[in-house]
Amino acid sequence: MFRKRIEGFSVSPLVTVWGITGLFFSSACLYIFTRLSSDLMEKRPFLFDHKVIDTVRLYTAPAMDRFMLFITEMGSTFMLGLLLVISMVWLFVKRKNLWGMIFYFITVAGGGLLNFWLKSFFERERPNFNRIMEADGFSFPSGHSMGSMTYYGFLGYLVMRSKYKPLSKLGWVILFGLVILLIGISRIYLGVHYPSDVLAGYMAGSVWLVLCISLLEIVYLYKEKKYQSTKSMQRKTEVS
């Protein structure tokens, strides 16, 4: 019986490849986050922080200030919450994708709670120079970076799973990736985060995103195998 169950839940080579890729990717992100947090706890200086800040600040201008303020709003709690509600309604009403809706909420909302806990644990103060806007709370890891990674990353996953043409999928994924990158840069430009905060937010968000997507894929796999099993039973009943 146990052997039959294993055979019944066999997965395709493509799923296996994606699973292994996701495992290596999330492991690398977890390693980078661990190194950053370890250096922070031991008060080691992040040598790249000020170099990146100086590079970003070379492009300061009133028009750039307005652009970065607009971009950073795309990763705010209010905007991500609003977009999440719209996305969940769309998934449930248009796509009839209940599990996708549930895991979208878990990914984004759970990532927000995880970020709050991480900030409370590390208690890193925000930078106090080159401030263009004010921000409350602790700095490490960046909530905007982590939130944008979970929301837009999951949206990219949905696009990759859709029936769009490959070039359309690639275009959307590149666009979402650009939005995520710009949101992180905006936090550095506006003087409310160190680059190491942004990088840590990306890494933590990626690990959480891959975990949630993996669990959702397991649910989809189970539902598909259950559906195939039911159809097979129906055929056998009709034949007999």
Protein backbone atom coordinates (compact mmCIF):
# COMPACT_ATOMS: atom_id res chain seq x y z
CA MET A 1 0.00 0.00 0.00
CA PHE A 2 2.81 2.40 0.90
CA ARG A 3 4.48 1.75 -2.44
CA LYS A 4 1.26 2.46 -4.30
CA ARG A 5 0.90 5.75 -2.49
CA ILE A 6 4.41 6.80 -3.49
CA GLU A 7 3.70 5.87 -7.10
CA GLY A 8 0.41 7.77 -6.97
CA PHE A 9 2.20 10.92 -5.86
CA SER A 10 5.06 10.76 -8.35
CA VAL A 11 6.00 14.14 -9.80
CA SER A 12 7.15 15.16 -13.26
CA PRO A 13 10.84 15.87 -13.99
CA LEU A 14 10.00 19.57 -14.55
CA VAL A 15 8.46 19.86 -11.07
CA THR A 16 11.49 18.09 -9.61
CA VAL A 17 13.88 20.50 -11.34
CA TRP A 18 11.92 23.52 -10.13
CA GLY A 19 11.80 22.06 -6.63
CA ILE A 20 15.55 21.56 -6.49
CA THR A 21 16.16 25.03 -7.94
CA GLY A 22 13.86 26.56 -5.33
CA LEU A 23 15.65 24.67 -2.57
CA PHE A 24 19.09 25.90 -3.65
CA PHE A 25 17.82 29.45 -4.18
CA SER A 26 16.13 29.67 -0.78
CA SER A 27 19.17 28.08 0.89
CA ALA A 28 21.45 30.71 -0.67
CA CYS A 29 19.09 33.51 0.44
CA LEU A 30 18.93 32.10 3.96
CA TYR A 31 22.73 31.91 4.09
CA ILE A 32 23.11 35.55 3.01
CA PHE A 33 20.51 36.69 5.53
CA THR A 34 22.24 34.72 8.27
CA ARG A 35 25.59 36.31 7.41
CA LEU A 36 24.09 39.81 7.42
CA SER A 37 22.28 39.28 10.71
CA SER A 38 25.36 37.71 12.28
CA ASP A 39 27.51 40.69 11.27
CA LEU A 40 24.86 43.03 12.64
CA MET A 41 24.63 41.24 15.99
CA GLU A 42 28.43 41.26 16.32
CA LYS A 43 28.50 44.96 15.31
CA ARG A 44 30.74 44.38 12.32
CA PRO A 45 30.64 47.26 9.81
CA PHE A 46 28.95 46.72 6.46
CA LEU A 47 31.60 48.16 4.17
CA PHE A 48 29.27 48.30 1.17
CA ASP A 49 26.61 50.37 2.93
CA HIS A 50 28.17 53.80 2.57
CA LYS A 51 29.59 53.04 -0.89
CA VAL A 52 26.12 52.16 -2.19
CA ILE A 53 24.56 55.16 -0.43
CA ASP A 54 27.12 57.52 -1.94
CA THR A 55 26.50 56.06 -5.41
CA VAL A 56 22.72 56.35 -5.12
CA ARG A 57 22.94 59.90 -3.78
CA LEU A 58 24.88 61.02 -6.87
CA TYR A 59 21.54 61.16 -8.69
CA THR A 60 19.73 63.45 -6.25
CA ALA A 61 17.43 66.00 -7.86
CA PRO A 62 13.95 67.38 -7.11
CA ALA A 63 12.41 65.31 -9.92
CA MET A 64 14.20 62.19 -8.67
CA ASP A 65 12.95 62.91 -5.14
CA ARG A 66 9.35 62.89 -6.38
CA PHE A 67 9.92 59.74 -8.42
CA MET A 68 11.45 57.87 -5.50
CA LEU A 69 8.64 58.97 -3.18
CA PHE A 70 6.16 57.57 -5.70
CA ILE A 71 8.10 54.31 -6.08
CA THR A 72 8.48 53.79 -2.33
CA GLU A 73 4.72 54.13 -1.95
CA MET A 74 4.32 51.05 -4.17
CA GLY A 75 5.87 49.05 -1.35
CA SER A 76 4.06 50.68 1.56
CA THR A 77 1.86 48.70 3.94
CA PHE A 78 -1.25 50.54 2.76
CA MET A 79 -0.58 50.02 -0.95
CA LEU A 80 0.43 46.37 -0.61
CA GLY A 81 -2.61 45.73 1.59
CA LEU A 82 -4.92 47.35 -0.97
CA LEU A 83 -3.34 45.47 -3.87
CA LEU A 84 -3.51 42.23 -1.91
CA VAL A 85 -7.26 42.60 -1.32
CA ILE A 86 -7.82 43.34 -5.04
CA SER A 87 -5.68 40.35 -6.04
CA MET A 88 -7.48 38.01 -3.64
CA VAL A 89 -10.90 39.09 -4.92
CA TRP A 90 -9.71 38.59 -8.51
CA LEU A 91 -8.35 35.14 -7.74
CA PHE A 92 -11.56 34.04 -6.03
CA VAL A 93 -14.14 35.63 -8.35
CA LYS A 94 -12.44 35.40 -11.76
CA ARG A 95 -10.16 32.39 -11.35
CA LYS A 96 -12.08 30.40 -8.73
CA ASN A 97 -8.69 29.80 -7.13
CA LEU A 98 -9.48 29.48 -3.43
CA TRP A 99 -6.14 27.99 -2.44
CA GLY A 100 -4.24 30.58 -4.43
CA MET A 101 -6.17 33.32 -2.64
CA ILE A 102 -5.50 31.79 0.77
CA PHE A 103 -1.77 31.37 0.15
CA TYR A 104 -1.46 34.86 -1.33
CA PHE A 105 -2.78 36.21 1.96
CA ILE A 106 -0.51 33.93 4.00
CA THR A 107 2.52 34.94 1.92
CA VAL A 108 2.05 38.71 2.16
CA ALA A 109 0.42 39.04 5.59
CA GLY A 110 2.63 36.35 7.13
CA GLY A 111 5.68 38.03 5.63
CA GLY A 112 4.61 41.29 7.25
CA LEU A 113 4.34 39.65 10.65
CA LEU A 114 7.71 37.96 10.17
CA ASN A 115 9.28 41.31 9.26
CA PHE A 116 7.80 42.92 12.38
CA TRP A 117 9.27 40.15 14.54
CA LEU A 118 12.69 40.37 12.88
CA LYS A 119 12.82 44.14 13.32
CA SER A 120 11.87 43.81 16.97
CA PHE A 121 14.55 41.16 17.45
CA PHE A 122 17.47 43.02 15.83
CA GLU A 123 16.43 46.57 16.85
CA ARG A 124 18.69 48.33 14.38
CA GLU A 125 18.26 52.09 14.30
CA ARG A 126 17.57 53.75 10.97
CA PRO A 127 20.23 55.94 9.33
CA ASN A 128 20.10 59.54 10.54
CA PHE A 129 21.64 61.26 7.52
CA ASN A 130 20.39 62.22 4.03
CA ARG A 131 16.80 61.92 5.19
CA ILE A 132 14.25 63.02 2.57
CA MET A 133 11.29 61.50 4.39
CA GLU A 134 10.55 60.31 7.91
CA ALA A 135 9.97 56.69 8.87
CA ASP A 136 9.14 55.03 12.18
CA GLY A 137 10.29 51.75 13.65
CA PHE A 138 13.50 49.80 13.35
CA SER A 139 15.52 49.34 10.20
CA PHE A 140 16.64 45.71 9.77
CA PRO A 141 15.35 44.11 7.60
CA SER A 142 13.57 46.59 5.31
CA GLY A 143 9.80 46.08 5.44
CA HIS A 144 9.27 47.67 2.02
CA SER A 145 11.85 45.36 0.43
CA MET A 146 10.49 42.26 2.12
CA GLY A 147 6.87 43.20 1.43
CA SER A 148 7.49 43.97 -2.22
CA MET A 149 9.35 40.68 -2.63
CA THR A 150 6.45 38.67 -1.19
CA TYR A 151 3.63 40.54 -2.99
CA TYR A 152 5.16 41.14 -6.43
CA GLY A 153 7.09 37.88 -6.24
CA PHE A 154 3.90 35.89 -5.68
CA LEU A 155 2.24 37.85 -8.48
CA GLY A 156 5.10 36.85 -10.76
CA TYR A 157 4.59 33.22 -9.71
CA LEU A 158 0.90 33.45 -10.66
CA VAL A 159 1.86 34.87 -14.05
CA MET A 160 4.35 32.05 -14.64
CA ARG A 161 1.62 29.56 -13.78
CA SER A 162 -0.88 31.22 -16.11
CA LYS A 163 -1.65 30.45 -19.75
CA TYR A 164 0.00 33.61 -21.06
CA LYS A 165 2.48 33.28 -23.90
CA PRO A 166 6.11 32.77 -22.82
CA LEU A 167 7.19 36.24 -23.98
CA SER A 168 4.31 37.84 -22.07
CA LYS A 169 5.28 35.91 -18.95
CA LEU A 170 8.88 37.01 -19.29
CA GLY A 171 7.85 40.63 -19.76
CA TRP A 172 5.63 40.65 -16.67
CA VAL A 173 8.25 38.91 -14.52
CA ILE A 174 10.92 41.43 -15.60
CA LEU A 175 8.51 44.29 -14.79
CA PHE A 176 7.76 42.92 -11.31
CA GLY A 177 11.46 42.35 -10.70
CA LEU A 178 12.19 45.94 -11.71
CA VAL A 179 9.50 47.25 -9.33
CA ILE A 180 10.98 45.22 -6.46
CA LEU A 181 14.48 46.52 -7.23
CA LEU A 182 13.34 50.15 -7.51
CA ILE A 183 11.44 49.97 -4.23
CA GLY A 184 14.62 48.83 -2.47
CA ILE A 185 16.67 51.57 -4.14
CA SER A 186 14.07 54.16 -3.15
CA ARG A 187 14.48 53.26 0.53
CA ILE A 188 18.22 53.89 0.26
CA TYR A 189 17.77 57.07 -1.75
CA LEU A 190 15.24 58.50 0.70
CA GLY A 191 17.64 57.87 3.59
CA VAL A 192 15.39 55.58 5.63
CA HIS A 193 17.35 52.34 5.18
CA TYR A 194 20.88 51.08 4.82
CA PRO A 195 21.61 48.92 1.74
CA SER A 196 22.20 45.98 4.11
CA ASP A 197 18.62 46.45 5.40
CA VAL A 198 17.29 46.27 1.86
CA LEU A 199 19.38 43.22 0.98
CA ALA A 200 18.28 41.46 4.16
CA GLY A 201 14.65 42.26 3.33
CA TYR A 202 15.03 40.73 -0.12
CA MET A 203 16.65 37.60 1.30
CA ALA A 204 14.12 37.06 4.09
CA GLY A 205 11.25 37.77 1.72
CA SER A 206 12.61 35.31 -0.84
CA VAL A 207 12.91 32.50 1.69
CA TRP A 208 9.37 33.07 2.93
CA LEU A 209 8.06 33.37 -0.66
CA VAL A 210 9.65 30.10 -1.79
CA LEU A 211 8.33 28.32 1.30
CA CYS A 212 4.75 29.51 0.71
CA ILE A 213 4.86 28.72 -3.01
CA SER A 214 6.24 25.24 -2.27
CA LEU A 215 3.40 24.53 0.15
CA LEU A 216 0.85 25.77 -2.39
CA GLU A 217 2.37 23.56 -5.08
CA ILE A 218 2.04 20.58 -2.75
CA VAL A 219 -1.65 21.43 -2.31
CA TYR A 220 -2.10 21.69 -6.09
CA LEU A 221 -0.28 18.38 -6.59
CA TYR A 222 -2.47 16.67 -4.02
CA LYS A 223 -5.64 18.07 -5.60
CA GLU A 224 -4.52 16.99 -9.07
CA LYS A 225 -3.69 13.45 -7.95
CA LYS A 226 -6.99 13.25 -6.09
CA TYR A 227 -8.85 14.42 -9.19
CA GLN A 228 -7.05 11.89 -11.40
CA SER A 229 -7.78 9.13 -8.88
CA THR A 230 -11.49 10.04 -8.84
CA LYS A 231 -11.67 10.09 -12.64
CA SER A 232 -9.91 6.72 -12.79
CA MET A 233 -12.39 5.22 -10.32
CA GLN A 234 -15.28 6.59 -12.36
CA ARG A 235 -13.93 5.00 -15.55
CA LYS A 236 -13.50 1.65 -13.82
CA THR A 237 -17.05 1.86 -12.49
CA GLU A 238 -18.42 2.67 -15.97
CA VAL A 239 -16.50 -0.22 -17.54
CA SER A 240 -17.65 -2.71 -14.92
